[in-house]
């Protein structure tokens, strides 16, 4: 086996991939969120939507999708379930009927209070002080920017 073949062999090993630890960590983190989110009636993707809305109060579907890296085909059913739970409302923009605006309902606004301990609890449960989470988040954000 020549050098080039050895490089290809090494490149195909799971332990040499960046994508696999990201994938595995993501799945394990979401699994840790699940029991806390079930208590407040949300799935992890719904929680992401609610966090964006708690920060912005309302926004259109296109901007929400861009913020969360979700297409409308993924976002629409998610929003319908949040609307059915009375956490959000959807309405057409009066200036542009093609644009759908997402608004928090009173129930959705109050849900923020129920969710307030989740991020701190996750940080404590996840890794305590063994990992510099700020540096990790910054590195991942840089990776995301480079992949856009």
Protein backbone atom coordinates (compact mmCIF):
# COMPACT_ATOMS: atom_id res chain seq x y z
CA UNK A 1 0.00 0.00 0.00
CA UNK A 2 1.47 3.34 -1.03
CA UNK A 3 1.35 6.59 0.94
CA UNK A 4 -1.71 7.89 -0.86
CA UNK A 5 -3.64 4.70 -0.09
CA UNK A 6 -2.63 4.92 3.59
CA UNK A 7 -3.92 8.49 3.74
CA UNK A 8 -7.23 7.37 2.22
CA UNK A 9 -7.46 4.47 4.67
CA UNK A 10 -6.86 6.77 7.64
CA UNK A 11 -9.32 9.32 6.31
CA UNK A 12 -12.10 6.72 6.31
CA UNK A 13 -11.67 5.72 9.96
CA UNK A 14 -14.52 6.82 12.18
CA UNK A 15 -12.15 8.03 14.89
CA UNK A 16 -10.58 10.47 12.42
CA UNK A 17 -13.84 12.21 11.51
CA UNK A 18 -14.99 15.58 12.83
CA UNK A 19 -18.59 14.90 11.82
CA UNK A 20 -19.06 11.84 14.01
CA UNK A 21 -18.21 13.37 17.41
CA UNK A 22 -20.39 16.37 16.52
CA UNK A 23 -23.24 14.06 15.55
CA UNK A 24 -22.86 11.86 18.63
CA UNK A 25 -22.55 14.83 21.01
CA UNK A 26 -25.61 16.45 19.48
CA UNK A 27 -27.71 13.31 19.88
CA UNK A 28 -26.56 12.78 23.47
CA UNK A 29 -27.21 16.42 24.40
CA UNK A 30 -30.71 16.32 22.92
CA UNK A 31 -31.35 13.11 24.86
CA UNK A 32 -30.34 14.92 28.09
CA UNK A 33 -32.75 17.76 27.27
CA UNK A 34 -35.68 15.43 26.63
CA UNK A 35 -36.92 14.85 30.23
CA UNK A 36 -36.74 18.55 31.10
CA UNK A 37 -38.50 19.58 27.91
CA UNK A 38 -41.21 16.94 28.31
CA UNK A 39 -42.12 18.56 31.63
CA UNK A 40 -42.94 21.80 29.82
CA UNK A 41 -44.49 20.17 26.76
CA UNK A 42 -41.80 20.83 24.15
CA UNK A 43 -39.56 18.85 21.87
CA UNK A 44 -35.99 20.03 21.36
CA UNK A 45 -36.70 21.68 17.96
CA UNK A 46 -39.75 23.40 19.47
CA UNK A 47 -37.57 24.61 22.36
CA UNK A 48 -35.17 26.17 19.85
CA UNK A 49 -38.04 28.02 18.19
CA UNK A 50 -39.34 29.22 21.53
CA UNK A 51 -35.90 30.49 22.60
CA UNK A 52 -35.65 32.55 19.43
CA UNK A 53 -39.15 33.93 19.97
CA UNK A 54 -38.54 34.70 23.65
CA UNK A 55 -35.61 36.76 22.49
CA UNK A 56 -37.40 38.48 19.59
CA UNK A 57 -41.13 38.39 20.56
CA UNK A 58 -42.17 37.91 16.92
CA UNK A 59 -40.58 37.28 13.58
CA UNK A 60 -41.39 36.00 10.14
CA UNK A 61 -41.00 32.36 9.21
CA UNK A 62 -38.19 33.04 6.75
CA UNK A 63 -36.03 34.82 9.34
CA UNK A 64 -36.80 32.17 11.95
CA UNK A 65 -35.73 29.44 9.52
CA UNK A 66 -32.50 31.25 8.72
CA UNK A 67 -31.70 31.71 12.41
CA UNK A 68 -32.26 28.00 13.13
CA UNK A 69 -30.89 26.62 9.83
CA UNK A 70 -34.26 25.01 9.10
CA UNK A 71 -36.18 25.04 5.82
CA UNK A 72 -39.89 25.83 5.68
CA UNK A 73 -40.75 22.16 5.10
CA UNK A 74 -39.25 21.33 8.49
CA UNK A 75 -40.37 24.50 10.25
CA UNK A 76 -44.04 24.55 9.16
CA UNK A 77 -45.16 21.33 10.92
CA UNK A 78 -43.19 22.36 13.99
CA UNK A 79 -44.94 25.75 14.05
CA UNK A 80 -48.34 24.12 13.55
CA UNK A 81 -47.78 21.97 16.65
CA UNK A 82 -46.67 25.00 18.67
CA UNK A 83 -49.77 26.85 17.48
CA UNK A 84 -52.02 23.90 18.40
CA UNK A 85 -50.49 24.01 21.90
CA UNK A 86 -51.31 27.75 22.01
CA UNK A 87 -47.67 28.80 22.46
CA UNK A 88 -47.60 30.84 19.24
CA UNK A 89 -49.92 32.35 16.69
CA UNK A 90 -49.30 32.68 12.97
CA UNK A 91 -50.67 35.45 10.82
CA UNK A 92 -50.12 36.82 7.36
CA UNK A 93 -48.24 40.10 7.17
CA UNK A 94 -50.65 42.87 6.21
CA UNK A 95 -47.98 44.47 4.00
CA UNK A 96 -47.03 41.24 2.22
CA UNK A 97 -49.49 38.32 2.25
CA UNK A 98 -46.70 35.89 1.32
CA UNK A 99 -44.97 36.51 4.64
CA UNK A 100 -46.13 34.68 7.78
CA UNK A 101 -45.43 36.34 11.12
CA UNK A 102 -45.00 34.20 14.24
CA UNK A 103 -46.08 35.77 17.53
CA UNK A 104 -45.82 34.47 21.07
CA UNK A 105 -49.14 33.99 22.83
CA UNK A 106 -49.54 34.75 26.53
CA UNK A 107 -49.13 31.03 27.20
CA UNK A 108 -45.94 30.97 25.11
CA UNK A 109 -44.58 33.99 26.96
CA UNK A 110 -45.35 32.39 30.34
CA UNK A 111 -43.62 29.18 29.23
CA UNK A 112 -40.31 31.06 29.40
CA UNK A 113 -40.64 31.06 33.19
CA UNK A 114 -41.00 27.26 33.20
CA UNK A 115 -37.93 26.91 30.97
CA UNK A 116 -35.61 29.32 32.76
CA UNK A 117 -33.67 26.66 34.70
CA UNK A 118 -33.09 24.35 31.73
CA UNK A 119 -29.89 25.96 30.36
CA UNK A 120 -28.16 26.07 33.75
CA UNK A 121 -29.24 22.54 34.56
CA UNK A 122 -27.90 21.33 31.21
CA UNK A 123 -24.54 23.01 31.76
CA UNK A 124 -24.23 21.40 35.19
CA UNK A 125 -25.40 17.97 33.98
CA UNK A 126 -23.44 18.06 30.75
CA UNK A 127 -19.89 18.56 31.80
CA UNK A 128 -19.61 20.79 34.82
CA UNK A 129 -16.27 22.54 34.60
CA UNK A 130 -14.46 19.82 32.67
CA UNK A 131 -14.97 21.53 29.32
CA UNK A 132 -14.68 25.20 28.50
CA UNK A 133 -18.17 25.54 27.04
CA UNK A 134 -17.65 29.13 25.93
CA UNK A 135 -14.60 28.20 23.85
CA UNK A 136 -16.41 25.15 22.50
CA UNK A 137 -19.44 27.23 21.48
CA UNK A 138 -17.19 29.84 19.83
CA UNK A 139 -15.32 27.13 17.92
CA UNK A 140 -18.56 25.53 16.75
CA UNK A 141 -19.93 28.92 15.66
CA UNK A 142 -16.75 29.46 13.62
CA UNK A 143 -17.21 26.03 12.06
CA UNK A 144 -20.83 26.87 11.18
CA UNK A 145 -19.76 30.16 9.56
CA UNK A 146 -17.13 28.36 7.49
CA UNK A 147 -19.69 25.83 6.28
CA UNK A 148 -22.31 28.35 5.11
